[in-house]
Amino acid sequence: MTAGPGPPADGPALRPPRIDAHQHFWRYDQQEYAWIDERMGGLRRDFLPGELKGELDRVGFDGCVAVQVRPSLAETRWLLELADRHPFILGVVGWVDLQSPAVRGELQEFAPHPKLVGVRHGVQDEPDQSFLLRPEFARGVALLESFGLAYDILIYPRHLPVATEFVRRFPGVRFVLDHAAKPEIRKGELRAWARDLCLLASLPNVVCKLSGLVTEADWDRWTPEDLVPCLEVAFDGFGPQRLLIGSDWPVCTLAADYARTLGVVMDYLGPRPGAEGDAVLGLNALRFWNLARQEGKT
C-alpha cells in the first residue's frame, strides 16, 4: 500500500504561524470592571477562551497572547490556569506589583510558569505623567531581565517622551508598546505622536503592537484608510521585524468585529513582501516572547 498525498504546499502545516499578540479574557463583574461605562455596554458580559477560539479559527489564526486587565495577582493566576487548559493560549502577560518591596517574591512565584511571558501595569491611568520614572517602579522593572520577562507599556501619546527615557534606562529589558501608544485617530492629531513614536522606536529593545487602533478611531464611521497613516508611521519607525499584530479583543468589538479588526493590518500587509507579513502576523511574536518553547505542548 502506498502512502497518500501529504498536505498541500500552501496548507496550514507548512505556513508560518498566525498569532494574535494582544487580547483579553474576563468574567464580568461591575465593580471589578468599572471602566466599562454605558457606552461600552456590549462588554458587560463574560469573554472566555471558547468564544475566542471560534474567532481565531474563522480568520485562520493559530494562537494568542492573553493580557491582564486588572491589577490583580488573582487574575494573573487565573489567566495562567486558562493557558494550562487551552493550548492555543501561547502566552500570558500578567500583573505583579512592581512597586512592592515583595515584588521579587511575586516574580519568583509566577515566572517559572512557562507561559508567563511578561507583565504590565496600567500606566495610562496613573495621574503622575512621569510614573514610569518613579524609583520604586524602576526597581521592579530592573528585575524583569533576570526572570526572562518582558514589560508591556500601556500609555497615551502624551507619555511617549517619558516612555523613551524609561526604555533607555533599561537596555537589557525587552519592552513592547501596546496599541502604538493609542494615537488620536478620531481627532486627527498625529504629528506629535508620530514624532515621539519614532524616537521611542529608535531604541532597539522595544517592539510595537499594531492593536487597539480601531477603538481610537470613530467607532461608528471609521474606514481602513483612517488607520493607514498610523500603520505607515509604525512601519517606518519600527520596521516589519519589530511589529506584532493584535486584536485587543473583546474591546475591539466596540468598533468592529474580530475579522474586520485584524483585516485592517492584514490588508495593509498584502502588497508588501511575504516575509514581512509572516513576521508581523506571527513570527515576531514567537521570537520576542520565545513562544516556540510552547509548540511541543500545543
Protein backbone atom coordinates (compact mmCIF):
# COMPACT_ATOMS: atom_id res chain seq x y z
CA MET A 1 0.00 0.00 0.00
CA THR A 2 1.37 3.42 -0.94
CA ALA A 3 1.08 6.39 1.31
CA GLY A 4 -1.50 9.03 0.48
CA PRO A 5 -0.54 12.52 -0.57
CA GLY A 6 0.82 14.87 2.08
CA PRO A 7 -0.63 18.25 2.93
CA PRO A 8 -0.69 20.81 0.12
CA ALA A 9 2.35 23.04 -0.17
CA ASP A 10 0.32 26.05 0.97
CA GLY A 11 -1.57 24.19 3.69
CA PRO A 12 -1.66 25.15 7.36
CA ALA A 13 1.00 22.60 8.30
CA LEU A 14 3.65 24.49 6.31
CA ARG A 15 2.72 28.14 6.54
CA PRO A 16 4.19 30.31 9.32
CA PRO A 17 2.07 30.65 12.48
CA ARG A 18 -0.54 33.37 12.89
CA ILE A 19 -0.66 34.78 16.43
CA ASP A 20 -2.93 37.41 17.95
CA ALA A 21 -0.44 39.20 20.20
CA HIS A 22 -2.96 41.08 22.36
CA GLN A 23 -6.37 40.04 23.66
CA HIS A 24 -8.21 39.74 26.98
CA PHE A 25 -10.44 37.37 28.94
CA TRP A 26 -12.71 38.22 31.83
CA ARG A 27 -15.68 37.14 33.89
CA TYR A 28 -17.63 40.36 34.09
CA ASP A 29 -18.21 41.96 37.46
CA GLN A 30 -19.47 45.54 37.61
CA GLN A 31 -17.21 46.57 40.48
CA GLU A 32 -14.09 44.92 39.09
CA TYR A 33 -14.64 46.41 35.63
CA ALA A 34 -15.91 49.87 36.48
CA TRP A 35 -14.08 51.31 33.44
CA ILE A 36 -16.68 49.66 31.22
CA ASP A 37 -19.19 52.52 31.08
CA GLU A 38 -22.64 52.78 29.47
CA ARG A 39 -21.16 53.49 26.06
CA MET A 40 -19.32 50.17 26.26
CA GLY A 41 -22.39 48.16 27.23
CA GLY A 42 -21.51 45.34 24.84
CA LEU A 43 -18.52 44.49 27.01
CA ARG A 44 -20.63 43.91 30.12
CA ARG A 45 -20.56 40.12 29.92
CA ASP A 46 -18.08 37.26 30.14
CA PHE A 47 -15.43 36.82 27.42
CA LEU A 48 -13.77 33.41 27.67
CA PRO A 49 -11.47 31.17 25.63
CA GLY A 50 -14.16 29.14 23.89
CA GLU A 51 -15.54 32.24 22.20
CA LEU A 52 -12.13 33.50 21.12
CA LYS A 53 -11.16 30.10 19.72
CA GLY A 54 -14.06 30.34 17.28
CA GLU A 55 -12.88 33.76 16.15
CA LEU A 56 -9.28 32.57 15.72
CA ASP A 57 -10.42 29.62 13.64
CA ARG A 58 -12.56 31.80 11.39
CA VAL A 59 -9.65 34.08 10.46
CA GLY A 60 -7.06 31.29 10.28
CA PHE A 61 -5.04 32.25 13.36
CA ASP A 62 -3.34 29.58 15.45
CA GLY A 63 -2.96 31.12 18.90
CA CYS A 64 -2.93 34.20 21.06
CA VAL A 65 -1.28 36.02 23.94
CA ALA A 66 -3.67 36.90 26.77
CA VAL A 67 -3.04 40.22 28.52
CA GLN A 68 -4.07 41.30 32.01
CA VAL A 69 -6.82 43.86 32.59
CA ARG A 70 -6.95 44.18 36.39
CA PRO A 71 -4.04 44.95 38.75
CA SER A 72 -4.55 41.62 40.50
CA LEU A 73 -2.37 38.65 41.33
CA ALA A 74 -5.54 36.56 41.32
CA GLU A 75 -6.17 37.49 37.69
CA THR A 76 -2.60 36.53 36.77
CA ARG A 77 -3.14 33.11 38.35
CA TRP A 78 -6.48 32.74 36.54
CA LEU A 79 -5.00 33.62 33.14
CA LEU A 80 -2.22 31.07 33.62
CA GLU A 81 -4.81 28.46 34.59
CA LEU A 82 -6.70 29.23 31.38
CA ALA A 83 -3.47 28.89 29.42
CA ASP A 84 -2.86 25.49 31.01
CA ARG A 85 -6.30 24.32 29.89
CA HIS A 86 -6.29 25.86 26.41
CA PRO A 87 -3.17 25.16 24.33
CA PHE A 88 -3.96 27.94 21.84
CA ILE A 89 -3.23 30.49 24.60
CA LEU A 90 0.50 30.56 23.90
CA GLY A 91 1.46 33.21 26.43
CA VAL A 92 0.20 35.41 29.25
CA VAL A 93 1.13 38.98 30.09
CA GLY A 94 0.16 39.21 33.75
CA TRP A 95 0.42 41.70 36.57
CA VAL A 96 2.62 41.84 39.64
CA ASP A 97 3.10 44.82 41.91
CA LEU A 98 6.33 46.19 40.52
CA GLN A 99 6.39 48.90 43.20
CA SER A 100 6.09 46.49 46.10
CA PRO A 101 9.03 45.55 48.33
CA ALA A 102 7.72 41.99 47.84
CA VAL A 103 7.93 42.06 44.04
CA ARG A 104 10.84 39.62 43.86
CA GLY A 105 8.78 37.03 45.70
CA GLU A 106 5.82 37.60 43.38
CA LEU A 107 8.06 37.15 40.35
CA GLN A 108 9.55 34.01 41.87
CA GLU A 109 6.02 32.62 42.23
CA PHE A 110 4.89 33.30 38.67
CA ALA A 111 7.98 33.40 36.45
CA PRO A 112 8.60 29.61 36.47
CA HIS A 113 5.31 29.11 34.62
CA PRO A 114 6.38 28.53 31.00
CA LYS A 115 3.51 30.58 29.60
CA LEU A 116 4.13 33.74 31.60
CA VAL A 117 5.92 35.90 29.04
CA GLY A 118 5.62 39.39 30.51
CA VAL A 119 3.96 41.77 32.92
CA ARG A 120 2.04 45.02 32.53
CA HIS A 121 0.90 47.98 34.60
CA GLY A 122 -1.86 50.39 33.53
CA VAL A 123 0.34 53.47 33.36
CA GLN A 124 -2.23 55.24 31.18
CA ASP A 125 -4.48 55.51 34.25
CA GLU A 126 -1.82 56.89 36.59
CA PRO A 127 -2.26 60.62 37.40
CA ASP A 128 1.51 61.08 37.53
CA GLN A 129 2.62 61.59 33.92
CA SER A 130 6.17 60.59 34.91
CA PHE A 131 5.05 57.42 36.70
CA LEU A 132 7.39 55.24 34.63
CA LEU A 133 10.40 57.04 36.12
CA ARG A 134 9.48 56.51 39.78
CA PRO A 135 12.41 54.91 41.62
CA GLU A 136 10.27 52.24 43.28
CA PHE A 137 8.75 51.27 39.92
CA ALA A 138 12.17 51.20 38.30
CA ARG A 139 13.43 48.77 40.95
CA GLY A 140 10.73 46.32 39.98
CA VAL A 141 11.27 46.71 36.25
CA ALA A 142 15.00 46.14 36.70
CA LEU A 143 14.24 42.63 37.98
CA LEU A 144 12.45 41.54 34.83
CA GLU A 145 15.58 40.80 32.83
CA SER A 146 16.81 38.22 35.32
CA PHE A 147 13.40 36.49 35.25
CA GLY A 148 13.28 36.43 31.45
CA LEU A 149 10.14 38.57 31.30
CA ALA A 150 9.18 41.45 29.02
CA TYR A 151 7.26 44.57 30.04
CA ASP A 152 4.17 45.88 28.22
CA ILE A 153 3.97 49.69 28.05
CA LEU A 154 0.34 50.88 28.18
CA ILE A 155 0.31 54.65 27.66
CA TYR A 156 -1.21 57.56 25.75
CA PRO A 157 0.70 59.72 23.24
CA ARG A 158 1.49 62.34 25.89
CA HIS A 159 3.53 59.72 27.77
CA LEU A 160 5.81 58.83 24.85
CA PRO A 161 8.74 61.14 25.75
CA VAL A 162 8.80 59.72 29.29
CA ALA A 163 8.50 56.19 27.90
CA THR A 164 11.55 56.78 25.70
CA GLU A 165 13.61 57.84 28.71
CA PHE A 166 12.23 54.85 30.64
CA VAL A 167 13.22 52.31 27.98
CA ARG A 168 16.64 53.93 27.58
CA ARG A 169 17.37 53.28 31.27
CA PHE A 170 16.88 49.50 30.89
CA PRO A 171 18.80 48.35 27.80
CA GLY A 172 18.66 44.73 28.95
CA VAL A 173 14.87 44.59 29.39
CA ARG A 174 12.59 43.75 26.48
CA PHE A 175 9.67 46.15 26.04
CA VAL A 176 6.53 46.05 23.92
CA LEU A 177 4.43 49.15 23.28
CA ASP A 178 0.72 48.39 23.45
CA HIS A 179 -1.63 49.82 20.81
CA ALA A 180 1.11 52.01 19.30
CA ALA A 181 0.51 54.33 22.28
CA LYS A 182 -3.12 54.97 21.21
CA PRO A 183 -2.76 57.64 18.53
CA GLU A 184 -5.61 60.16 18.46
CA ILE A 185 -7.08 58.94 15.18
CA ARG A 186 -10.53 60.27 15.97
CA LYS A 187 -9.19 63.82 16.33
CA GLY A 188 -6.69 63.53 13.50
CA GLU A 189 -3.90 64.77 15.78
CA LEU A 190 -1.00 62.56 14.76
CA ARG A 191 2.01 64.84 14.19
CA ALA A 192 3.39 64.91 17.75
CA TRP A 193 2.52 61.22 18.23
CA ALA A 194 4.40 60.27 15.05
CA ARG A 195 7.47 62.26 16.08
CA ASP A 196 7.58 60.81 19.59
CA LEU A 197 6.79 57.27 18.46
CA CYS A 198 9.76 57.30 16.10
CA LEU A 199 12.05 58.46 18.91
CA LEU A 200 10.93 55.51 21.03
CA ALA A 201 11.32 53.20 18.03
CA SER A 202 14.96 54.23 17.69
CA LEU A 203 15.69 52.13 20.80
CA PRO A 204 16.36 48.51 19.76
CA ASN A 205 14.88 46.77 22.81
CA VAL A 206 11.27 47.84 22.19
CA VAL A 207 8.70 46.41 19.78
CA CYS A 208 5.20 47.66 18.99
CA LYS A 209 1.78 46.04 18.83
CA LEU A 210 -0.46 47.01 15.93
CA SER A 211 -3.51 46.65 18.13
CA GLY A 212 -6.25 48.80 19.60
CA LEU A 213 -6.34 51.20 16.65
CA VAL A 214 -9.97 50.70 15.65
CA THR A 215 -11.18 51.92 19.04
CA GLU A 216 -9.05 55.07 18.76
CA ALA A 217 -10.94 55.90 15.55
CA ASP A 218 -14.61 56.88 15.28
CA TRP A 219 -16.34 53.67 16.36
CA ASP A 220 -19.28 54.08 14.02
CA ARG A 221 -17.76 55.68 10.92
CA TRP A 222 -14.11 54.65 10.67
CA THR A 223 -12.64 53.24 7.48
CA PRO A 224 -9.36 51.37 6.94
CA GLU A 225 -7.98 54.47 5.26
CA ASP A 226 -8.28 56.30 8.61
CA LEU A 227 -5.78 53.87 10.13
CA VAL A 228 -3.27 53.70 7.27
CA PRO A 229 -1.29 56.81 8.35
CA CYS A 230 -0.70 55.20 11.76
CA LEU A 231 0.40 51.94 10.19
CA GLU A 232 2.82 53.79 7.92
CA VAL A 233 4.40 55.63 10.86
CA ALA A 234 4.74 52.39 12.82
CA PHE A 235 6.34 50.57 9.86
CA ASP A 236 8.69 53.47 9.17
CA GLY A 237 9.74 53.64 12.83
CA PHE A 238 9.91 50.03 13.96
CA GLY A 239 10.23 48.17 10.67
CA PRO A 240 8.47 44.86 9.94
CA GLN A 241 10.73 42.88 12.29
CA ARG A 242 9.56 44.75 15.40
CA LEU A 243 5.78 44.86 14.87
CA LEU A 244 3.15 42.43 16.17
CA ILE A 245 -0.48 42.14 15.08
CA GLY A 246 -3.07 42.17 17.87
CA SER A 247 -6.84 42.41 18.08
CA ASP A 248 -7.43 43.85 21.55
CA TRP A 249 -10.46 41.52 21.62
CA PRO A 250 -13.05 41.94 23.05
CA VAL A 251 -12.50 45.71 23.37
CA CYS A 252 -12.18 45.92 19.58
CA THR A 253 -15.82 44.83 19.23
CA LEU A 254 -16.88 48.33 20.24
CA ALA A 255 -15.79 49.42 16.76
CA ALA A 256 -15.50 46.26 14.62
CA ASP A 257 -15.82 42.51 14.69
CA TYR A 258 -12.75 40.34 15.12
CA ALA A 259 -12.17 39.61 11.44
CA ARG A 260 -12.51 43.24 10.36
CA THR A 261 -10.16 44.37 13.13
CA LEU A 262 -7.35 42.04 12.09
CA GLY A 263 -8.19 42.60 8.45
CA VAL A 264 -7.01 46.21 8.59
CA VAL A 265 -3.41 45.14 9.25
CA MET A 266 -3.60 42.04 7.05
CA ASP A 267 -4.86 44.07 4.08
CA TYR A 268 -2.15 46.67 4.64
CA LEU A 269 0.43 43.89 4.56
CA GLY A 270 -0.99 42.44 1.35
CA PRO A 271 1.18 44.38 -1.13
CA ARG A 272 4.31 44.08 1.00
CA PRO A 273 6.81 41.21 0.69
CA GLY A 274 5.52 37.93 2.07
CA ALA A 275 8.36 37.68 4.57
CA GLU A 276 7.24 40.96 6.15
CA GLY A 277 3.69 39.69 6.52
CA ASP A 278 4.86 36.43 8.06
CA ALA A 279 6.94 38.38 10.57
CA VAL A 280 4.18 40.74 11.69
CA LEU A 281 1.46 38.09 11.72
CA GLY A 282 3.28 35.63 13.94
CA LEU A 283 7.00 35.08 13.65
CA ASN A 284 7.89 38.25 15.55
CA ALA A 285 5.68 37.18 18.46
CA LEU A 286 7.32 33.73 18.51
CA ARG A 287 10.76 35.29 18.66
CA PHE A 288 10.05 38.18 21.03
CA TRP A 289 8.34 36.06 23.69
CA ASN A 290 10.14 32.80 22.90
CA LEU A 291 6.77 31.19 22.26
CA ALA A 292 8.43 28.42 20.26
CA ARG A 293 9.10 26.67 23.57
CA GLN A 294 5.33 26.13 23.79
CA GLU A 295 4.92 24.48 20.40
CA GLY A 296 5.69 20.98 21.67
CA LYS A 297 2.96 21.39 24.30
CA THR A 298 0.19 22.57 22.00
